[in-house]
């Protein structure tokens, strides 16, 4: 039986609300998930990643920052988190050189600018697109397998709605 993917959308109206939604999502993830974060510069990818990391048990006082120059940051929480930024990566050879395809990693992979490459969407992938509506508001669109989206919609503290089915 084919595993159908659904999209859901939520609007956040502050930085703290974006972080809280990331925290909610992070708290629902298990080892093996990949979270693809996409959006324009300044859309809130790293802000959302901060919330995800907190939800995954990374100390909220730890400074989660964009790995734009380090390319990969790793954090310890209830699960290991590998935070990757592909903005400066030009080709798949560079991905290989930074250890992106490490098959031994057993945690949650968070990838900013994932849309730069044709990365495989699996049953354990959540694709997120952040769009800045105004200075503080973000429209966050999630695409994932249907049963995960339905669970997130049911449990979400915000007004997360399915936009296709």
Protein backbone atom coordinates (compact mmCIF):
# COMPACT_ATOMS: atom_id res chain seq x y z
CA UNK A 1 0.00 0.00 0.00
CA UNK A 2 1.42 3.36 -1.03
CA UNK A 3 2.15 5.76 1.82
CA UNK A 4 0.46 9.03 0.87
CA UNK A 5 1.95 12.39 1.74
CA UNK A 6 -0.11 15.31 3.00
CA UNK A 7 0.52 19.01 3.49
CA UNK A 8 -0.49 21.07 6.48
CA UNK A 9 -0.05 24.74 7.18
CA UNK A 10 0.15 26.92 10.28
CA UNK A 11 0.63 30.65 10.82
CA UNK A 12 2.86 31.89 13.64
CA UNK A 13 2.79 35.55 14.59
CA UNK A 14 5.99 35.88 16.64
CA UNK A 15 9.50 34.50 16.89
CA UNK A 16 8.57 32.77 20.15
CA UNK A 17 5.55 31.13 18.51
CA UNK A 18 7.74 29.85 15.66
CA UNK A 19 10.17 28.42 18.22
CA UNK A 20 7.30 26.85 20.20
CA UNK A 21 5.91 25.17 17.08
CA UNK A 22 9.40 23.83 16.31
CA UNK A 23 9.62 22.57 19.89
CA UNK A 24 6.27 20.81 19.51
CA UNK A 25 7.39 19.11 16.30
CA UNK A 26 10.77 18.14 17.76
CA UNK A 27 9.08 16.49 20.72
CA UNK A 28 7.27 14.12 18.34
CA UNK A 29 10.32 12.94 16.39
CA UNK A 30 12.31 9.75 16.81
CA UNK A 31 15.75 8.70 15.56
CA UNK A 32 15.92 8.38 11.80
CA UNK A 33 13.83 11.41 10.88
CA UNK A 34 15.11 14.03 8.47
CA UNK A 35 13.67 17.54 8.62
CA UNK A 36 14.17 19.59 5.44
CA UNK A 37 13.96 23.34 6.16
CA UNK A 38 13.44 25.62 3.19
CA UNK A 39 12.59 29.28 2.70
CA UNK A 40 14.22 32.53 1.66
CA UNK A 41 17.02 34.21 3.62
CA UNK A 42 15.58 35.45 6.90
CA UNK A 43 12.45 33.26 6.69
CA UNK A 44 13.17 31.65 10.06
CA UNK A 45 14.83 28.33 9.26
CA UNK A 46 17.38 28.60 12.07
CA UNK A 47 14.77 29.99 14.46
CA UNK A 48 12.58 26.98 13.73
CA UNK A 49 15.61 24.68 14.14
CA UNK A 50 16.18 26.16 17.63
CA UNK A 51 12.70 25.07 18.61
CA UNK A 52 13.16 21.63 17.04
CA UNK A 53 16.36 21.14 19.01
CA UNK A 54 14.67 22.15 22.26
CA UNK A 55 11.88 19.68 21.54
CA UNK A 56 14.53 17.01 20.97
CA UNK A 57 15.95 17.64 24.44
CA UNK A 58 18.83 19.97 23.63
CA UNK A 59 19.23 22.34 26.60
CA UNK A 60 17.14 25.44 25.81
CA UNK A 61 20.01 27.61 27.11
CA UNK A 62 22.41 26.08 24.57
CA UNK A 63 22.96 28.44 21.65
CA UNK A 64 21.73 26.63 18.54
CA UNK A 65 23.09 28.61 15.62
CA UNK A 66 23.09 28.32 11.88
CA UNK A 67 25.90 26.12 10.58
CA UNK A 68 26.33 28.42 7.56
CA UNK A 69 30.12 28.45 7.94
CA UNK A 70 30.76 25.28 9.96
CA UNK A 71 28.35 23.43 7.60
CA UNK A 72 27.44 20.87 10.29
CA UNK A 73 26.68 21.39 13.98
CA UNK A 74 25.87 18.50 16.27
CA UNK A 75 23.90 18.76 19.48
CA UNK A 76 23.14 16.31 22.28
CA UNK A 77 19.66 15.91 23.68
CA UNK A 78 17.41 12.91 24.21
CA UNK A 79 18.52 12.14 20.65
CA UNK A 80 21.59 13.33 18.76
CA UNK A 81 20.79 16.18 16.37
CA UNK A 82 22.85 16.88 13.26
CA UNK A 83 22.10 20.40 11.95
CA UNK A 84 23.35 20.96 8.40
CA UNK A 85 23.29 24.09 6.25
CA UNK A 86 23.58 23.52 2.49
CA UNK A 87 23.55 27.21 1.49
CA UNK A 88 27.29 27.30 0.67
CA UNK A 89 27.51 23.75 -0.72
CA UNK A 90 27.81 23.69 -4.50
CA UNK A 91 27.69 20.01 -5.47
CA UNK A 92 27.26 16.43 -4.24
CA UNK A 93 31.02 15.92 -4.02
CA UNK A 94 31.13 18.64 -1.35
CA UNK A 95 28.26 16.89 0.45
CA UNK A 96 30.33 13.71 0.46
CA UNK A 97 33.42 15.57 1.71
CA UNK A 98 31.64 17.03 4.75
CA UNK A 99 30.31 13.61 5.78
CA UNK A 100 26.70 14.35 4.86
CA UNK A 101 26.01 10.76 3.81
CA UNK A 102 27.24 9.21 7.08
CA UNK A 103 25.15 6.04 7.39
CA UNK A 104 26.17 5.54 11.04
CA UNK A 105 24.34 8.62 12.36
CA UNK A 106 21.46 7.56 14.63
CA UNK A 107 19.56 10.70 15.45
CA UNK A 108 17.53 13.46 13.79
CA UNK A 109 18.95 15.24 10.76
CA UNK A 110 17.92 18.90 10.32
CA UNK A 111 18.86 20.34 6.92
CA UNK A 112 18.59 24.03 6.06
CA UNK A 113 18.40 24.81 2.32
CA UNK A 114 17.57 21.16 1.56
CA UNK A 115 15.92 22.19 -1.71
CA UNK A 116 19.34 22.98 -3.22
CA UNK A 117 19.77 19.26 -3.90
CA UNK A 118 17.46 16.48 -5.00
CA UNK A 119 17.44 14.80 -1.59
CA UNK A 120 15.29 11.71 -1.24
CA UNK A 121 11.97 12.13 0.54
CA UNK A 122 11.31 9.00 2.56
CA UNK A 123 8.62 7.96 5.01
CA UNK A 124 10.81 9.53 7.71
CA UNK A 125 11.17 12.93 6.04
CA UNK A 126 9.34 16.09 7.03
CA UNK A 127 9.71 18.88 4.52
CA UNK A 128 9.05 22.35 5.90
CA UNK A 129 8.78 25.59 3.95
CA UNK A 130 8.84 28.84 5.92
CA UNK A 131 7.52 32.00 4.32
CA UNK A 132 7.81 35.38 6.01
CA UNK A 133 4.39 37.01 5.94
CA UNK A 134 5.68 40.12 7.71
CA UNK A 135 8.45 41.01 10.15
CA UNK A 136 7.32 38.53 12.84
CA UNK A 137 4.74 36.27 11.17
CA UNK A 138 5.58 33.06 9.37
CA UNK A 139 3.51 30.71 7.29
CA UNK A 140 4.89 27.23 7.89
CA UNK A 141 3.98 24.46 5.45
CA UNK A 142 4.76 20.87 6.41
CA UNK A 143 4.77 17.92 4.00
CA UNK A 144 5.07 14.42 5.42
CA UNK A 145 3.39 11.03 5.31
CA UNK A 146 -0.31 11.31 5.92
CA UNK A 147 -0.52 9.53 9.28
CA UNK A 148 2.17 11.81 10.76
CA UNK A 149 0.46 14.97 9.47
CA UNK A 150 -2.88 13.79 10.88
CA UNK A 151 -1.27 13.15 14.28
CA UNK A 152 0.43 16.55 14.28
CA UNK A 153 -2.83 18.30 13.33
CA UNK A 154 -4.63 16.50 16.16
CA UNK A 155 -1.99 17.31 18.80
CA UNK A 156 -0.79 20.73 17.67
CA UNK A 157 -1.09 23.59 20.17
CA UNK A 158 -1.56 25.90 17.16
CA UNK A 159 -4.16 25.94 14.40
CA UNK A 160 -2.39 23.46 12.07
CA UNK A 161 -4.65 22.55 9.15
CA UNK A 162 -4.39 20.01 6.35
CA UNK A 163 -4.35 21.82 2.99
CA UNK A 164 -4.66 18.78 0.72
CA UNK A 165 -6.02 15.26 1.09
